């Protein structure tokens, strides 16, 4: 046979797309605090974006500390190995509103010899009662509390929603002085 034949061998290198980064960090934070640091795990270069189209680059590197915002914020994170870019991983952080402080009478009067008064507080969240100003000694949870004399006469309350805590309010039980009065022709009556 006449003619020539030639064989050409081409090597095609197919790069594997990196896996999406694994994201970690607290996804909720209290409105009066900064969000926690977010971490992206992966062996390649990490890029953080604020939009799903990956057009607004906001950070590079494995660690990102977002700024506080009054609305939930989503972040899209990719790995770039120099040849290919992974599909994005997404993490959303959400601010939790600070609870409103419990409503309670700041002073409740009590007459010695009578039952110790029941204290009532109102809040839209869990109420915790303490008998120390630093709120270390929890003595009750809930809106209604009937303390005993051994717990003292001053209580500090706060409302809680998850790890978010309201301002602290103080409630005090004050002992009224007992007075005696004689009613004409009757016995002596003690009153507060």
Protein backbone atom coordinates (compact mmCIF):
# COMPACT_ATOMS: atom_id res chain seq x y z
CA UNK A 1 0.00 0.00 0.00
CA UNK A 2 1.05 3.40 -0.71
CA UNK A 3 0.66 6.38 1.49
CA UNK A 4 1.57 7.55 4.92
CA UNK A 5 -0.08 7.20 8.19
CA UNK A 6 0.58 9.16 11.32
CA UNK A 7 -0.83 8.76 14.76
CA UNK A 8 -1.26 11.72 17.05
CA UNK A 9 -1.80 11.18 20.74
CA UNK A 10 -3.21 14.06 22.76
CA UNK A 11 -3.31 13.94 26.51
CA UNK A 12 -6.24 15.77 28.01
CA UNK A 13 -5.93 16.58 31.68
CA UNK A 14 -9.29 16.83 33.41
CA UNK A 15 -9.08 18.70 36.67
CA UNK A 16 -11.37 17.64 39.41
CA UNK A 17 -13.64 20.36 40.76
CA UNK A 18 -12.84 21.00 44.45
CA UNK A 19 -15.51 20.04 46.96
CA UNK A 20 -17.52 22.85 48.47
CA UNK A 21 -16.03 24.18 51.72
CA UNK A 22 -17.42 23.01 55.06
CA UNK A 23 -18.73 26.01 57.01
CA UNK A 24 -19.02 26.38 60.78
CA UNK A 25 -19.82 29.05 63.35
CA UNK A 26 -22.80 30.31 65.33
CA UNK A 27 -25.69 31.11 63.02
CA UNK A 28 -27.55 33.29 65.52
CA UNK A 29 -26.43 36.27 67.57
CA UNK A 30 -28.04 38.83 69.87
CA UNK A 31 -28.83 42.18 68.26
CA UNK A 32 -26.63 44.03 70.74
CA UNK A 33 -23.58 41.83 70.04
CA UNK A 34 -21.26 41.10 67.15
CA UNK A 35 -21.78 37.89 65.16
CA UNK A 36 -19.28 35.13 65.86
CA UNK A 37 -16.41 34.33 63.53
CA UNK A 38 -17.34 31.98 60.68
CA UNK A 39 -14.88 29.34 59.51
CA UNK A 40 -14.56 27.67 56.09
CA UNK A 41 -12.63 24.39 55.97
CA UNK A 42 -10.94 23.17 52.82
CA UNK A 43 -7.45 22.60 51.39
CA UNK A 44 -7.65 25.28 48.69
CA UNK A 45 -7.93 29.06 48.57
CA UNK A 46 -11.21 30.26 50.14
CA UNK A 47 -13.32 33.20 48.93
CA UNK A 48 -16.41 34.66 50.63
CA UNK A 49 -19.22 36.41 48.72
CA UNK A 50 -22.35 38.24 49.84
CA UNK A 51 -24.46 37.14 46.87
CA UNK A 52 -25.36 33.81 45.24
CA UNK A 53 -24.00 34.98 41.86
CA UNK A 54 -20.52 35.24 43.42
CA UNK A 55 -20.04 38.79 42.17
CA UNK A 56 -19.50 40.67 45.47
CA UNK A 57 -16.27 39.37 47.04
CA UNK A 58 -16.19 40.32 50.75
CA UNK A 59 -13.31 38.26 52.15
CA UNK A 60 -10.57 35.78 51.35
CA UNK A 61 -9.19 33.18 53.72
CA UNK A 62 -10.64 30.57 56.03
CA UNK A 63 -11.95 32.98 58.67
CA UNK A 64 -14.57 35.71 58.29
CA UNK A 65 -16.17 37.86 61.00
CA UNK A 66 -19.34 39.41 59.61
CA UNK A 67 -20.66 42.79 60.72
CA UNK A 68 -23.87 43.01 62.73
CA UNK A 69 -27.03 43.58 60.76
CA UNK A 70 -30.68 43.91 61.76
CA UNK A 71 -31.69 41.32 59.15
CA UNK A 72 -30.49 37.79 58.39
CA UNK A 73 -27.37 37.72 56.19
CA UNK A 74 -26.29 34.91 53.87
CA UNK A 75 -22.73 34.23 52.75
CA UNK A 76 -21.56 32.08 49.84
CA UNK A 77 -18.14 30.46 50.07
CA UNK A 78 -16.08 28.69 47.41
CA UNK A 79 -12.72 26.92 47.15
CA UNK A 80 -10.39 27.74 44.27
CA UNK A 81 -7.50 25.33 43.65
CA UNK A 82 -6.02 27.51 40.89
CA UNK A 83 -7.64 25.46 38.12
CA UNK A 84 -11.24 25.02 39.17
CA UNK A 85 -13.70 26.62 41.57
CA UNK A 86 -16.06 24.61 43.75
CA UNK A 87 -19.78 25.04 43.98
CA UNK A 88 -20.60 27.50 46.77
CA UNK A 89 -21.52 26.54 50.31
CA UNK A 90 -23.98 28.88 52.02
CA UNK A 91 -24.35 29.95 55.65
CA UNK A 92 -27.00 32.35 57.00
CA UNK A 93 -26.65 34.23 60.26
CA UNK A 94 -29.69 35.66 62.01
CA UNK A 95 -29.89 38.37 64.70
CA UNK A 96 -32.16 37.60 67.66
CA UNK A 97 -34.04 40.57 69.16
CA UNK A 98 -33.11 41.49 72.71
CA UNK A 99 -36.03 40.65 75.03
CA UNK A 100 -37.87 43.47 76.74
CA UNK A 101 -37.18 43.63 80.48
CA UNK A 102 -39.86 42.02 82.69
CA UNK A 103 -42.58 44.28 84.07
CA UNK A 104 -43.01 44.03 87.84
CA UNK A 105 -43.87 46.28 90.77
CA UNK A 106 -40.53 47.46 92.09
CA UNK A 107 -41.81 47.40 95.69
CA UNK A 108 -44.23 44.93 97.26
CA UNK A 109 -45.26 45.45 100.87
CA UNK A 110 -45.51 42.60 103.36
CA UNK A 111 -46.78 42.49 106.90
CA UNK A 112 -44.80 40.35 109.33
CA UNK A 113 -46.84 37.35 110.37
CA UNK A 114 -48.71 37.22 107.07
CA UNK A 115 -47.77 34.86 104.25
CA UNK A 116 -44.84 36.10 102.23
CA UNK A 117 -46.29 37.77 99.09
CA UNK A 118 -46.42 36.17 95.66
CA UNK A 119 -44.61 38.27 93.08
CA UNK A 120 -45.88 38.48 89.50
CA UNK A 121 -43.82 39.60 86.54
CA UNK A 122 -44.75 39.88 82.88
CA UNK A 123 -42.57 39.33 79.81
CA UNK A 124 -42.84 37.75 76.36
CA UNK A 125 -39.88 35.48 77.09
CA UNK A 126 -38.63 33.25 79.88
CA UNK A 127 -38.25 35.12 83.18
CA UNK A 128 -35.43 34.19 85.54
CA UNK A 129 -35.31 35.39 89.16
CA UNK A 130 -32.10 35.79 91.17
CA UNK A 131 -31.44 36.81 94.75
CA UNK A 132 -28.07 38.39 93.99
CA UNK A 133 -27.25 41.46 91.94
CA UNK A 134 -24.78 39.59 89.71
CA UNK A 135 -27.47 37.04 88.74
CA UNK A 136 -25.46 34.02 89.85
CA UNK A 137 -27.99 32.43 92.21
CA UNK A 138 -31.08 31.46 90.23
CA UNK A 139 -34.07 31.05 92.58
CA UNK A 140 -37.01 30.80 90.17
CA UNK A 141 -37.96 30.52 86.52
CA UNK A 142 -41.33 31.76 85.29
CA UNK A 143 -43.64 34.73 85.74
CA UNK A 144 -44.91 33.87 89.25
CA UNK A 145 -42.67 33.56 92.29
CA UNK A 146 -43.51 33.01 95.95
CA UNK A 147 -40.20 33.47 97.73
CA UNK A 148 -39.41 32.31 101.23
CA UNK A 149 -37.80 34.46 103.91
CA UNK A 150 -34.49 32.61 103.62
CA UNK A 151 -34.07 33.90 100.03
CA UNK A 152 -34.04 37.51 101.14
CA UNK A 153 -36.13 40.53 100.28
CA UNK A 154 -34.54 41.77 97.03
CA UNK A 155 -34.70 39.98 93.68
CA UNK A 156 -33.27 40.70 90.25
CA UNK A 157 -35.19 39.55 87.17
CA UNK A 158 -34.38 39.30 83.51
CA UNK A 159 -36.09 37.97 80.41
CA UNK A 160 -34.19 35.53 78.21
CA UNK A 161 -34.56 34.37 74.63
CA UNK A 162 -31.89 31.77 73.95
CA UNK A 163 -28.63 33.42 74.93
CA UNK A 164 -30.06 36.94 74.56
CA UNK A 165 -30.85 38.66 77.84
CA UNK A 166 -32.92 41.74 78.68
CA UNK A 167 -31.97 44.53 81.01
CA UNK A 168 -32.17 43.49 84.65
CA UNK A 169 -34.96 44.86 86.85
CA UNK A 170 -35.05 44.87 90.64
CA UNK A 171 -38.02 43.90 92.80
CA UNK A 172 -38.05 44.38 96.54
CA UNK A 173 -40.29 43.08 99.31
CA UNK A 174 -40.57 45.68 102.07
CA UNK A 175 -41.84 44.81 105.51
CA UNK A 176 -44.55 47.21 106.64
CA UNK A 177 -44.52 48.37 110.21
CA UNK A 178 -47.15 46.79 112.36
CA UNK A 179 -49.34 49.20 114.22
CA UNK A 180 -51.77 48.45 117.02
CA UNK A 181 -55.03 50.25 117.40
CA UNK A 182 -57.63 49.93 120.11
CA UNK A 183 -61.17 50.11 118.92
CA UNK A 184 -63.52 51.57 121.50
CA UNK A 185 -65.01 48.80 123.48
CA UNK A 186 -63.17 46.22 121.42
CA UNK A 187 -59.88 44.40 121.58
CA UNK A 188 -56.65 45.74 120.21
CA UNK A 189 -56.24 45.14 116.48
CA UNK A 190 -52.86 44.84 114.76
CA UNK A 191 -52.61 46.14 111.19
CA UNK A 192 -49.99 46.97 108.64
